[in-house]
Amino acid sequence: MAEIFALAEEEILIAFGMIGIKGKSVTGREDAIATFRSIVQDRACTIENRTVDLSDCKMLILSEDISDMIGEELSEWQLSGAFPLVVEVPPLSGSSAQHTRLVDAVRQAIGIRIQ
């Protein structure tokens, strides 16, 4: 069982693995969508022919490039308010200037600035 799980590029997963966080890298948009759906709906993920039980997963870490791949599915999930909570981290290449986090979009829409 894993309370935190990550979907990111391999190098990021190695770093998370060093602190005990399991994860999976994906090969493209279709794989990213299928893996995301498996995690949030089936609460399981297959890694190297082994199924990881994610029934108690509270946080899903996504690199920004993967969150961009799954776009609409991710937005729908975040707005549902269900677990796991999705947290985005920048990829190794750095955060894109065009990447707008959901929190920033909500803050802009309602006009609140929390410091």
PDB file of N, CA and C in Angstrom:
ATOM      1  N   MET A   1       0.830  -1.179   0.000  1.00  0.00           N
ATOM      2  CA  MET A   1       0.000   0.000   0.000  1.00  0.00           C
ATOM      3  C   MET A   1       0.877   1.247   0.000  1.00  0.00           C
ATOM      4  N   ALA A   2       0.380   2.275  -0.631  1.00  0.00           N
ATOM      5  CA  ALA A   2       1.156   3.513  -0.735  1.00  0.00           C
ATOM      6  C   ALA A   2       0.248   4.709  -0.468  1.00  0.00           C
ATOM      7  N   GLU A   3       0.624   5.547   0.490  1.00  0.00           N
ATOM      8  CA  GLU A   3      -0.155   6.751   0.774  1.00  0.00           C
ATOM      9  C   GLU A   3       0.190   7.875  -0.193  1.00  0.00           C
ATOM     10  N   ILE A   4       1.395   7.831  -0.755  1.00  0.00           N
ATOM     11  CA  ILE A   4       1.834   8.818  -1.741  1.00  0.00           C
ATOM     12  C   ILE A   4       2.360   8.057  -2.943  1.00  0.00           C
ATOM     13  N   PHE A   5       1.990   8.499  -4.136  1.00  0.00           N
ATOM     14  CA  PHE A   5       2.423   7.857  -5.371  1.00  0.00           C
ATOM     15  C   PHE A   5       2.786   8.954  -6.359  1.00  0.00           C
ATOM     16  N   ALA A   6       3.726   8.684  -7.246  1.00  0.00           N
ATOM     17  CA  ALA A   6       4.178   9.705  -8.194  1.00  0.00           C
ATOM     18  C   ALA A   6       4.103   9.215  -9.635  1.00  0.00           C
ATOM     19  N   LEU A   7       3.717  10.115 -10.523  1.00  0.00           N
ATOM     20  CA  LEU A   7       3.804   9.908 -11.967  1.00  0.00           C
ATOM     21  C   LEU A   7       4.722  10.998 -12.486  1.00  0.00           C
ATOM     22  N   ALA A   8       5.885  10.610 -12.952  1.00  0.00           N
ATOM     23  CA  ALA A   8       6.877  11.606 -13.367  1.00  0.00           C
ATOM     24  C   ALA A   8       7.920  10.927 -14.245  1.00  0.00           C
ATOM     25  N   GLU A   9       8.881  11.735 -14.705  1.00  0.00           N
ATOM     26  CA  GLU A   9       9.967  11.165 -15.489  1.00  0.00           C
ATOM     27  C   GLU A   9      10.864  10.319 -14.584  1.00  0.00           C
ATOM     28  N   GLU A  10      11.574   9.400 -15.183  1.00  0.00           N
ATOM     29  CA  GLU A  10      12.352   8.401 -14.453  1.00  0.00           C
ATOM     30  C   GLU A  10      13.315   9.004 -13.428  1.00  0.00           C
ATOM     31  N   GLU A  11      13.985  10.081 -13.776  1.00  0.00           N
ATOM     32  CA  GLU A  11      14.956  10.680 -12.862  1.00  0.00           C
ATOM     33  C   GLU A  11      14.287  11.215 -11.601  1.00  0.00           C
ATOM     34  N   ILE A  12      13.111  11.796 -11.736  1.00  0.00           N
ATOM     35  CA  ILE A  12      12.364  12.284 -10.578  1.00  0.00           C
ATOM     36  C   ILE A  12      11.914  11.108  -9.718  1.00  0.00           C
ATOM     37  N   LEU A  13      11.505  10.019 -10.362  1.00  0.00           N
ATOM     38  CA  LEU A  13      11.072   8.842  -9.615  1.00  0.00           C
ATOM     39  C   LEU A  13      12.211   8.240  -8.803  1.00  0.00           C
ATOM     40  N   ILE A  14      13.417   8.307  -9.330  1.00  0.00           N
ATOM     41  CA  ILE A  14      14.570   7.808  -8.576  1.00  0.00           C
ATOM     42  C   ILE A  14      14.729   8.614  -7.291  1.00  0.00           C
ATOM     43  N   ALA A  15      14.606   9.929  -7.392  1.00  0.00           N
ATOM     44  CA  ALA A  15      14.725  10.790  -6.211  1.00  0.00           C
ATOM     45  C   ALA A  15      13.610  10.485  -5.207  1.00  0.00           C
ATOM     46  N   PHE A  16      12.372  10.370  -5.671  1.00  0.00           N
ATOM     47  CA  PHE A  16      11.277  10.040  -4.770  1.00  0.00           C
ATOM     48  C   PHE A  16      11.464   8.650  -4.163  1.00  0.00           C
ATOM     49  N   GLY A  17      11.975   7.718  -4.950  1.00  0.00           N
ATOM     50  CA  GLY A  17      12.221   6.369  -4.451  1.00  0.00           C
ATOM     51  C   GLY A  17      13.196   6.346  -3.293  1.00  0.00           C
ATOM     52  N   MET A  18      14.138   7.274  -3.285  1.00  0.00           N
ATOM     53  CA  MET A  18      15.116   7.338  -2.197  1.00  0.00           C
ATOM     54  C   MET A  18      14.473   7.686  -0.859  1.00  0.00           C
ATOM     55  N   ILE A  19      13.306   8.310  -0.894  1.00  0.00           N
ATOM     56  CA  ILE A  19      12.610   8.621   0.356  1.00  0.00           C
ATOM     57  C   ILE A  19      11.367   7.738   0.531  1.00  0.00           C
ATOM     58  N   GLY A  20      11.310   6.661  -0.232  1.00  0.00           N
ATOM     59  CA  GLY A  20      10.272   5.657  -0.039  1.00  0.00           C
ATOM     60  C   GLY A  20       8.972   5.866  -0.777  1.00  0.00           C
ATOM     61  N   ILE A  21       8.944   6.799  -1.738  1.00  0.00           N
ATOM     62  CA  ILE A  21       7.723   7.047  -2.506  1.00  0.00           C
ATOM     63  C   ILE A  21       7.794   6.260  -3.807  1.00  0.00           C
ATOM     64  N   LYS A  22       6.816   5.393  -4.015  1.00  0.00           N
ATOM     65  CA  LYS A  22       6.746   4.612  -5.245  1.00  0.00           C
ATOM     66  C   LYS A  22       6.174   5.472  -6.354  1.00  0.00           C
ATOM     67  N   GLY A  23       6.472   5.072  -7.588  1.00  0.00           N
ATOM     68  CA  GLY A  23       5.955   5.824  -8.712  1.00  0.00           C
ATOM     69  C   GLY A  23       6.098   5.075 -10.010  1.00  0.00           C
ATOM     70  N   LYS A  24       5.620   5.705 -11.064  1.00  0.00           N
ATOM     71  CA  LYS A  24       5.673   5.115 -12.401  1.00  0.00           C
ATOM     72  C   LYS A  24       5.921   6.208 -13.420  1.00  0.00           C
ATOM     73  N   SER A  25       6.741   5.885 -14.410  1.00  0.00           N
ATOM     74  CA  SER A  25       6.917   6.808 -15.532  1.00  0.00           C
ATOM     75  C   SER A  25       5.982   6.345 -16.646  1.00  0.00           C
ATOM     76  N   VAL A  26       5.564   7.277 -17.471  1.00  0.00           N
ATOM     77  CA  VAL A  26       4.666   6.949 -18.575  1.00  0.00           C
ATOM     78  C   VAL A  26       5.342   7.310 -19.887  1.00  0.00           C
ATOM     79  N   THR A  27       4.863   6.683 -20.968  1.00  0.00           N
ATOM     80  CA  THR A  27       5.536   6.841 -22.254  1.00  0.00           C
ATOM     81  C   THR A  27       4.853   7.803 -23.215  1.00  0.00           C
ATOM     82  N   GLY A  28       3.666   8.237 -22.883  1.00  0.00           N
ATOM     83  CA  GLY A  28       2.959   9.156 -23.780  1.00  0.00           C
ATOM     84  C   GLY A  28       1.603   9.496 -23.218  1.00  0.00           C
ATOM     85  N   ARG A  29       0.842  10.261 -23.997  1.00  0.00           N
ATOM     86  CA  ARG A  29      -0.454  10.752 -23.524  1.00  0.00           C
ATOM     87  C   ARG A  29      -1.410   9.619 -23.189  1.00  0.00           C
ATOM     88  N   GLU A  30      -1.565   8.646 -24.069  1.00  0.00           N
ATOM     89  CA  GLU A  30      -2.494   7.548 -23.830  1.00  0.00           C
ATOM     90  C   GLU A  30      -2.113   6.761 -22.583  1.00  0.00           C
ATOM     91  N   ASP A  31      -0.815   6.487 -22.422  1.00  0.00           N
ATOM     92  CA  ASP A  31      -0.329   5.778 -21.242  1.00  0.00           C
ATOM     93  C   ASP A  31      -0.566   6.618 -19.986  1.00  0.00           C
ATOM     94  N   ALA A  32      -0.350   7.930 -20.074  1.00  0.00           N
ATOM     95  CA  ALA A  32      -0.560   8.819 -18.923  1.00  0.00           C
ATOM     96  C   ALA A  32      -2.027   8.821 -18.507  1.00  0.00           C
ATOM     97  N   ILE A  33      -2.938   8.916 -19.473  1.00  0.00           N
ATOM     98  CA  ILE A  33      -4.367   8.926 -19.164  1.00  0.00           C
ATOM     99  C   ILE A  33      -4.792   7.594 -18.568  1.00  0.00           C
ATOM    100  N   ALA A  34      -4.359   6.497 -19.176  1.00  0.00           N
ATOM    101  CA  ALA A  34      -4.734   5.167 -18.673  1.00  0.00           C
ATOM    102  C   ALA A  34      -4.200   4.943 -17.255  1.00  0.00           C
ATOM    103  N   THR A  35      -2.973   5.350 -17.005  1.00  0.00           N
ATOM    104  CA  THR A  35      -2.379   5.176 -15.682  1.00  0.00           C
ATOM    105  C   THR A  35      -3.088   6.052 -14.658  1.00  0.00           C
ATOM    106  N   PHE A  36      -3.366   7.308 -15.015  1.00  0.00           N
ATOM    107  CA  PHE A  36      -4.076   8.212 -14.112  1.00  0.00           C
ATOM    108  C   PHE A  36      -5.449   7.641 -13.754  1.00  0.00           C
ATOM    109  N   ARG A  37      -6.188   7.177 -14.743  1.00  0.00           N
ATOM    110  CA  ARG A  37      -7.513   6.596 -14.487  1.00  0.00           C
ATOM    111  C   ARG A  37      -7.410   5.358 -13.598  1.00  0.00           C
ATOM    112  N   SER A  38      -6.410   4.541 -13.852  1.00  0.00           N
ATOM    113  CA  SER A  38      -6.211   3.348 -13.032  1.00  0.00           C
ATOM    114  C   SER A  38      -5.974   3.724 -11.568  1.00  0.00           C
ATOM    115  N   ILE A  39      -5.186   4.772 -11.362  1.00  0.00           N
ATOM    116  CA  ILE A  39      -4.871   5.204  -9.995  1.00  0.00           C
ATOM    117  C   ILE A  39      -6.099   5.769  -9.295  1.00  0.00           C
ATOM    118  N   VAL A  40      -6.808   6.684  -9.942  1.00  0.00           N
ATOM    119  CA  VAL A  40      -7.906   7.370  -9.261  1.00  0.00           C
ATOM    120  C   VAL A  40      -9.219   6.572  -9.256  1.00  0.00           C
ATOM    121  N   GLN A  41      -9.417   5.700 -10.232  1.00  0.00           N
ATOM    122  CA  GLN A  41     -10.660   4.935 -10.275  1.00  0.00           C
ATOM    123  C   GLN A  41     -10.509   3.534  -9.686  1.00  0.00           C
ATOM    124  N   ASP A  42      -9.490   2.809 -10.147  1.00  0.00           N
ATOM    125  CA  ASP A  42      -9.291   1.432  -9.690  1.00  0.00           C
ATOM    126  C   ASP A  42      -8.485   1.355  -8.402  1.00  0.00           C
ATOM    127  N   ARG A  43      -7.799   2.495  -8.071  1.00  0.00           N
ATOM    128  CA  ARG A  43      -6.942   2.575  -6.881  1.00  0.00           C
ATOM    129  C   ARG A  43      -5.842   1.512  -6.905  1.00  0.00           C
ATOM    130  N   ALA A  44      -5.278   1.315  -8.112  1.00  0.00           N
ATOM    131  CA  ALA A  44      -4.181   0.369  -8.310  1.00  0.00           C
ATOM    132  C   ALA A  44      -3.365   0.812  -9.513  1.00  0.00           C
ATOM    133  N   CYS A  45      -2.113   0.363  -9.554  1.00  0.00           N
ATOM    134  CA  CYS A  45      -1.245   0.679 -10.684  1.00  0.00           C
ATOM    135  C   CYS A  45      -0.304  -0.494 -10.911  1.00  0.00           C
ATOM    136  N   THR A  46      -0.100  -0.854 -12.153  1.00  0.00           N
ATOM    137  CA  THR A  46       0.792  -1.964 -12.476  1.00  0.00           C
ATOM    138  C   THR A  46       2.168  -1.425 -12.841  1.00  0.00           C
ATOM    139  N   ILE A  47       3.180  -1.911 -12.119  1.00  0.00           N
ATOM    140  CA  ILE A  47       4.569  -1.533 -12.366  1.00  0.00           C
ATOM    141  C   ILE A  47       5.377  -2.818 -12.498  1.00  0.00           C
ATOM    142  N   GLU A  48       6.010  -2.986 -13.651  1.00  0.00           N
ATOM    143  CA  GLU A  48       6.834  -4.160 -13.929  1.00  0.00           C
ATOM    144  C   GLU A  48       6.093  -5.458 -13.593  1.00  0.00           C
ATOM    145  N   ASN A  49       4.887  -5.591 -14.132  1.00  0.00           N
ATOM    146  CA  ASN A  49       4.036  -6.776 -13.965  1.00  0.00           C
ATOM    147  C   ASN A  49       3.627  -7.047 -12.529  1.00  0.00           C
ATOM    148  N   ARG A  50       3.739  -6.042 -11.639  1.00  0.00           N
ATOM    149  CA  ARG A  50       3.255  -6.155 -10.261  1.00  0.00           C
ATOM    150  C   ARG A  50       2.220  -5.063 -10.032  1.00  0.00           C
ATOM    151  N   THR A  51       1.160  -5.407  -9.359  1.00  0.00           N
ATOM    152  CA  THR A  51       0.123  -4.428  -9.071  1.00  0.00           C
ATOM    153  C   THR A  51       0.378  -3.802  -7.709  1.00  0.00           C
ATOM    154  N   VAL A  52       0.403  -2.468  -7.686  1.00  0.00           N
ATOM    155  CA  VAL A  52       0.581  -1.715  -6.448  1.00  0.00           C
ATOM    156  C   VAL A  52      -0.798  -1.302  -5.954  1.00  0.00           C
ATOM    157  N   ASP A  53      -1.110  -1.666  -4.715  1.00  0.00           N
ATOM    158  CA  ASP A  53      -2.393  -1.312  -4.104  1.00  0.00           C
ATOM    159  C   ASP A  53      -2.356   0.152  -3.677  1.00  0.00           C
ATOM    160  N   LEU A  54      -3.253   0.949  -4.230  1.00  0.00           N
ATOM    161  CA  LEU A  54      -3.308   2.368  -3.900  1.00  0.00           C
ATOM    162  C   LEU A  54      -4.622   2.727  -3.203  1.00  0.00           C
ATOM    163  N   SER A  55      -5.219   1.753  -2.530  1.00  0.00           N
ATOM    164  CA  SER A  55      -6.501   1.990  -1.869  1.00  0.00           C
ATOM    165  C   SER A  55      -6.397   3.027  -0.758  1.00  0.00           C
ATOM    166  N   ASP A  56      -5.208   3.206  -0.174  1.00  0.00           N
ATOM    167  CA  ASP A  56      -5.047   4.216   0.874  1.00  0.00           C
ATOM    168  C   ASP A  56      -4.243   5.425   0.404  1.00  0.00           C
ATOM    169  N   CYS A  57      -4.130   5.597  -0.918  1.00  0.00           N
ATOM    170  CA  CYS A  57      -3.357   6.714  -1.470  1.00  0.00           C
ATOM    171  C   CYS A  57      -4.059   8.040  -1.187  1.00  0.00           C
ATOM    172  N   LYS A  58      -3.328   8.953  -0.557  1.00  0.00           N
ATOM    173  CA  LYS A  58      -3.871  10.264  -0.202  1.00  0.00           C
ATOM    174  C   LYS A  58      -3.329  11.374  -1.097  1.00  0.00           C
ATOM    175  N   MET A  59      -2.148  11.154  -1.701  1.00  0.00           N
ATOM    176  CA  MET A  59      -1.530  12.179  -2.535  1.00  0.00           C
ATOM    177  C   MET A  59      -0.912  11.555  -3.780  1.00  0.00           C
ATOM    178  N   LEU A  60      -1.213  12.164  -4.915  1.00  0.00           N
ATOM    179  CA  LEU A  60      -0.632  11.765  -6.196  1.00  0.00           C
ATOM    180  C   LEU A  60       0.226  12.920  -6.681  1.00  0.00           C
ATOM    181  N   ILE A  61       1.509  12.662  -6.833  1.00  0.00           N
ATOM    182  CA  ILE A  61       2.437  13.686  -7.309  1.00  0.00           C
ATOM    183  C   ILE A  61       2.589  13.517  -8.815  1.00  0.00           C
ATOM    184  N   LEU A  62       2.347  14.590  -9.553  1.00  0.00           N
ATOM    185  CA  LEU A  62       2.496  14.579 -11.012  1.00  0.00           C
ATOM    186  C   LEU A  62       3.521  15.619 -11.412  1.00  0.00           C
ATOM    187  N   SER A  63       4.387  15.281 -12.359  1.00  0.00           N
ATOM    188  CA  SER A  63       5.232  16.327 -12.920  1.00  0.00           C
ATOM    189  C   SER A  63       4.353  17.147 -13.863  1.00  0.00           C
ATOM    190  N   GLU A  64       4.684  18.418 -14.021  1.00  0.00           N
ATOM    191  CA  GLU A  64       3.868  19.320 -14.835  1.00  0.00           C
ATOM    192  C   GLU A  64       3.691  18.818 -16.259  1.00  0.00           C
ATOM    193  N   ASP A  65       4.721  18.185 -16.820  1.00  0.00           N
ATOM    194  CA  ASP A  65       4.590  17.692 -18.191  1.00  0.00           C
ATOM    195  C   ASP A  65       3.543  16.584 -18.282  1.00  0.00           C
ATOM    196  N   ILE A  66       3.436  15.766 -17.255  1.00  0.00           N
ATOM    197  CA  ILE A  66       2.415  14.718 -17.259  1.00  0.00           C
ATOM    198  C   ILE A  66       1.040  15.322 -17.007  1.00  0.00           C
ATOM    199  N   SER A  67       0.956  16.297 -16.120  1.00  0.00           N
ATOM    200  CA  SER A  67      -0.345  16.933 -15.885  1.00  0.00           C
ATOM    201  C   SER A  67      -0.831  17.629 -17.153  1.00  0.00           C
ATOM    202  N   ASP A  68       0.092  18.177 -17.946  1.00  0.00           N
ATOM    203  CA  ASP A  68      -0.292  18.783 -19.227  1.00  0.00           C
ATOM    204  C   ASP A  68      -0.820  17.727 -20.199  1.00  0.00           C
ATOM    205  N   MET A  69      -0.249  16.517 -20.147  1.00  0.00           N
ATOM    206  CA  MET A  69      -0.693  15.436 -21.034  1.00  0.00           C
ATOM    207  C   MET A  69      -2.127  15.016 -20.737  1.00  0.00           C
ATOM    208  N   ILE A  70      -2.509  15.001 -19.465  1.00  0.00           N
ATOM    209  CA  ILE A  70      -3.828  14.483 -19.098  1.00  0.00           C
ATOM    210  C   ILE A  70      -4.847  15.593 -18.874  1.00  0.00           C
ATOM    211  N   GLY A  71      -4.448  16.832 -19.070  1.00  0.00           N
ATOM    212  CA  GLY A  71      -5.255  18.041 -18.993  1.00  0.00           C
ATOM    213  C   GLY A  71      -6.659  17.962 -18.455  1.00  0.00           C
ATOM    214  N   GLU A  72      -7.628  17.676 -19.316  1.00  0.00           N
ATOM    215  CA  GLU A  72      -9.033  17.731 -18.941  1.00  0.00           C
ATOM    216  C   GLU A  72      -9.377  16.714 -17.862  1.00  0.00           C
ATOM    217  N   GLU A  73      -8.844  15.505 -17.960  1.00  0.00           N
ATOM    218  CA  GLU A  73      -9.102  14.477 -16.951  1.00  0.00           C
ATOM    219  C   GLU A  73      -8.615  14.943 -15.580  1.00  0.00           C
ATOM    220  N   LEU A  74      -7.455  15.580 -15.545  1.00  0.00           N
ATOM    221  CA  LEU A  74      -6.906  16.082 -14.288  1.00  0.00           C
ATOM    222  C   LEU A  74      -7.777  17.195 -13.716  1.00  0.00           C
ATOM    223  N   SER A  75      -8.188  18.123 -14.548  1.00  0.00           N
ATOM    224  CA  SER A  75      -9.034  19.230 -14.084  1.00  0.00           C
ATOM    225  C   SER A  75     -10.335  18.709 -13.480  1.00  0.00           C
ATOM    226  N   GLU A  76     -10.966  17.764 -14.155  1.00  0.00           N
ATOM    227  CA  GLU A  76     -12.206  17.180 -13.652  1.00  0.00           C
ATOM    228  C   GLU A  76     -11.983  16.522 -12.301  1.00  0.00           C
ATOM    229  N   TRP A  77     -10.865  15.803 -12.161  1.00  0.00           N
ATOM    230  CA  TRP A  77     -10.570  15.125 -10.898  1.00  0.00           C
ATOM    231  C   TRP A  77     -10.344  16.138  -9.777  1.00  0.00           C
ATOM    232  N   GLN A  78      -9.558  17.169 -10.047  1.00  0.00           N
ATOM    233  CA  GLN A  78      -9.267  18.168  -9.027  1.00  0.00           C
ATOM    234  C   GLN A  78     -10.536  18.882  -8.573  1.00  0.00           C
ATOM    235  N   LEU A  79     -11.430  19.165  -9.496  1.00  0.00           N
ATOM    236  CA  LEU A  79     -12.670  19.844  -9.144  1.00  0.00           C
ATOM    237  C   LEU A  79     -13.647  18.946  -8.395  1.00  0.00           C
ATOM    238  N   SER A  80     -13.460  17.627  -8.489  1.00  0.00           N
ATOM    239  CA  SER A  80     -14.355  16.691  -7.790  1.00  0.00           C
ATOM    240  C   SER A  80     -14.120  16.712  -6.287  1.00  0.00           C
ATOM    241  N   GLY A  81     -12.927  17.097  -5.856  1.00  0.00           N
ATOM    242  CA  GLY A  81     -12.615  17.144  -4.434  1.00  0.00           C
ATOM    243  C   GLY A  81     -12.324  15.787  -3.816  1.00  0.00           C
ATOM    244  N   ALA A  82     -12.194  14.761  -4.638  1.00  0.00           N
ATOM    245  CA  ALA A  82     -11.953  13.412  -4.137  1.00  0.00           C
ATOM    246  C   ALA A  82     -10.457  13.169  -3.912  1.00  0.00           C
ATOM    247  N   PHE A  83     -10.147  12.132  -3.135  1.00  0.00           N
ATOM    248  CA  PHE A  83      -8.763  11.717  -2.940  1.00  0.00           C
ATOM    249  C   PHE A  83      -8.387  10.758  -4.040  1.00  0.00           C
ATOM    250  N   PRO A  84      -7.139  10.694  -4.458  1.00  0.00           N
ATOM    251  CA  PRO A  84      -6.003  11.372  -3.859  1.00  0.00           C
ATOM    252  C   PRO A  84      -5.904  12.841  -4.286  1.00  0.00           C
ATOM    253  N   LEU A  85      -5.324  13.614  -3.397  1.00  0.00           N
ATOM    254  CA  LEU A  85      -5.007  15.005  -3.689  1.00  0.00           C
ATOM    255  C   LEU A  85      -3.895  15.006  -4.732  1.00  0.00           C
ATOM    256  N   VAL A  86      -4.012  15.843  -5.751  1.00  0.00           N
ATOM    257  CA  VAL A  86      -3.002  15.900  -6.804  1.00  0.00           C
ATOM    258  C   VAL A  86      -2.098  17.109  -6.568  1.00  0.00           C
ATOM    259  N   VAL A  87      -0.803  16.851  -6.530  1.00  0.00           N
ATOM    260  CA  VAL A  87       0.205  17.894  -6.346  1.00  0.00           C
ATOM    261  C   VAL A  87       1.124  17.870  -7.556  1.00  0.00           C
ATOM    262  N   GLU A  88       1.354  19.026  -8.148  1.00  0.00           N
ATOM    263  CA  GLU A  88       2.216  19.106  -9.326  1.00  0.00           C
ATOM    264  C   GLU A  88       3.600  19.601  -8.935  1.00  0.00           C
ATOM    265  N   VAL A  89       4.614  18.987  -9.536  1.00  0.00           N
ATOM    266  CA  VAL A  89       5.992  19.420  -9.347  1.00  0.00           C
ATOM    267  C   VAL A  89       6.578  19.733 -10.719  1.00  0.00           C
ATOM    268  N   PRO A  90       7.517  20.659 -10.787  1.00  0.00           N
ATOM    269  CA  PRO A  90       8.120  20.973 -12.093  1.00  0.00           C
ATOM    270  C   PRO A  90       8.981  19.810 -12.582  1.00  0.00           C
ATOM    271  N   PRO A  91       9.062  19.618 -13.892  1.00  0.00           N
ATOM    272  CA  PRO A  91       9.937  18.583 -14.444  1.00  0.00           C
ATOM    273  C   PRO A  91      11.396  19.028 -14.337  1.00  0.00           C
ATOM    274  N   LEU A  92      12.303  18.134 -14.645  1.00  0.00           N
ATOM    275  CA  LEU A  92      13.723  18.462 -14.565  1.00  0.00           C
ATOM    276  C   LEU A  92      14.107  19.606 -15.485  1.00  0.00           C
ATOM    277  N   SER A  93      13.378  19.762 -16.573  1.00  0.00           N
ATOM    278  CA  SER A  93      13.684  20.837 -17.516  1.00  0.00           C
ATOM    279  C   SER A  93      13.229  22.203 -17.002  1.00  0.00           C
ATOM    280  N   GLY A  94      12.505  22.225 -15.889  1.00  0.00           N
ATOM    281  CA  GLY A  94      12.048  23.482 -15.309  1.00  0.00           C
ATOM    282  C   GLY A  94      10.591  23.743 -15.629  1.00  0.00           C
ATOM    283  N   SER A  95       9.994  24.589 -14.833  1.00  0.00           N
ATOM    284  CA  SER A  95       8.578  24.926 -14.990  1.00  0.00           C
ATOM    285  C   SER A  95       8.391  25.829 -16.202  1.00  0.00           C
ATOM    286  N   SER A  96       7.344  25.566 -16.941  1.00  0.00           N
ATOM    287  CA  SER A  96       7.048  26.389 -18.106  1.00  0.00           C
ATOM    288  C   SER A  96       6.354  27.665 -17.671  1.00  0.00           C
ATOM    289  N   ALA A  97       6.641  28.760 -18.331  1.00  0.00           N
ATOM    290  CA  ALA A  97       6.022  30.046 -18.004  1.00  0.00           C
ATOM    291  C   ALA A  97       4.531  30.015 -18.301  1.00  0.00           C
ATOM    292  N   GLN A  98       4.110  29.137 -19.193  1.00  0.00           N
ATOM    293  CA  GLN A  98       2.711  29.056 -19.574  1.00  0.00           C
ATOM    294  C   GLN A  98       1.898  28.201 -18.606  1.00  0.00           C
ATOM    295  N   HIS A  99       2.556  27.471 -17.726  1.00  0.00           N
ATOM    296  CA  HIS A  99       1.858  26.548 -16.838  1.00  0.00           C
ATOM    297  C   HIS A  99       1.166  27.305 -15.718  1.00  0.00           C
ATOM    298  N   THR A 100      -0.142  27.221 -15.695  1.00  0.00           N
ATOM    299  CA  THR A 100      -0.934  27.876 -14.656  1.00  0.00           C
ATOM    300  C   THR A 100      -1.489  26.811 -13.725  1.00  0.00           C
ATOM    301  N   ARG A 101      -1.160  26.932 -12.468  1.00  0.00           N
ATOM    302  CA  ARG A 101      -1.673  25.979 -11.499  1.00  0.00           C
ATOM    303  C   ARG A 101      -3.135  26.286 -11.224  1.00  0.00           C
ATOM    304  N   LEU A 102      -3.881  25.245 -10.861  1.00  0.00           N
ATOM    305  CA  LEU A 102      -5.290  25.407 -10.554  1.00  0.00           C
ATOM    306  C   LEU A 102      -5.475  26.421  -9.425  1.00  0.00           C
ATOM    307  N   VAL A 103      -4.645  26.356  -8.410  1.00  0.00           N
ATOM    308  CA  VAL A 103      -4.748  27.282  -7.283  1.00  0.00           C
ATOM    309  C   VAL A 103      -4.589  28.719  -7.765  1.00  0.00           C
ATOM    310  N   ASP A 104      -3.633  28.975  -8.640  1.00  0.00           N
ATOM    311  CA  ASP A 104      -3.428  30.329  -9.159  1.00  0.00           C
ATOM    312  C   ASP A 104      -4.633  30.797  -9.973  1.00  0.00           C
ATOM    313  N   ALA A 105      -5.208  29.899 -10.754  1.00  0.00           N
ATOM    314  CA  ALA A 105      -6.374  30.256 -11.553  1.00  0.00           C
ATOM    315  C   ALA A 105      -7.564  30.611 -10.660  1.00  0.00           C
ATOM    316  N   VAL A 106      -7.761  29.842  -9.587  1.00  0.00           N
ATOM    317  CA  VAL A 106      -8.854  30.127  -8.659  1.00  0.00           C
ATOM    318  C   VAL A 106      -8.611  31.458  -7.954  1.00  0.00           C
ATOM    319  N   ARG A 107      -7.383  31.686  -7.503  1.00  0.00           N
ATOM    320  CA  ARG A 107      -7.061  32.950  -6.840  1.00  0.00           C
ATOM    321  C   ARG A 107      -7.337  34.132  -7.758  1.00  0.00           C
ATOM    322  N   GLN A 108      -6.950  34.021  -9.011  1.00  0.00           N
ATOM    323  CA  GLN A 108      -7.180  35.089  -9.958  1.00  0.00           C
ATOM    324  C   GLN A 108      -8.674  35.301 -10.206  1.00  0.00           C
ATOM    325  N   ALA A 109      -9.407  34.210 -10.291  1.00  0.00           N
ATOM    326  CA  ALA A 109     -10.836  34.297 -10.572  1.00  0.00           C
ATOM    327  C   ALA A 109     -11.614  34.952  -9.429  1.00  0.00           C
ATOM    328  N   ILE A 110     -11.221  34.652  -8.185  1.00  0.00           N
ATOM    329  CA  ILE A 110     -11.974  35.210  -7.055  1.00  0.00           C
ATOM    330  C   ILE A 110     -11.305  36.431  -6.442  1.00  0.00           C
ATOM    331  N   GLY A 111     -10.108  36.750  -6.895  1.00  0.00           N
ATOM    332  CA  GLY A 111      -9.443  37.968  -6.467  1.00  0.00           C
ATOM    333  C   GLY A 111      -8.854  37.941  -5.072  1.00  0.00           C
ATOM    334  N   ILE A 112      -8.428  36.758  -4.618  1.00  0.00           N
ATOM    335  CA  ILE A 112      -7.840  36.643  -3.281  1.00  0.00           C
ATOM    336  C   ILE A 112      -6.355  36.374  -3.415  1.00  0.00           C
ATOM    337  N   ARG A 113      -5.587  37.042  -2.582  1.00  0.00           N
ATOM    338  CA  ARG A 113      -4.131  36.818  -2.529  1.00  0.00           C
ATOM    339  C   ARG A 113      -3.776  36.457  -1.101  1.00  0.00           C
ATOM    340  N   ILE A 114      -3.355  35.229  -0.869  1.00  0.00           N
ATOM    341  CA  ILE A 114      -2.969  34.765   0.467  1.00  0.00           C
ATOM    342  C   ILE A 114      -1.450  34.704   0.528  1.00  0.00           C
ATOM    343  N   GLN A 115      -0.903  35.334   1.565  1.00  0.00           N
ATOM    344  CA  GLN A 115       0.556  35.351   1.695  1.00  0.00           C
ATOM    345  C   GLN A 115       0.994  34.617   2.927  1.00  0.00           C
TER     346      GLN A 115
END
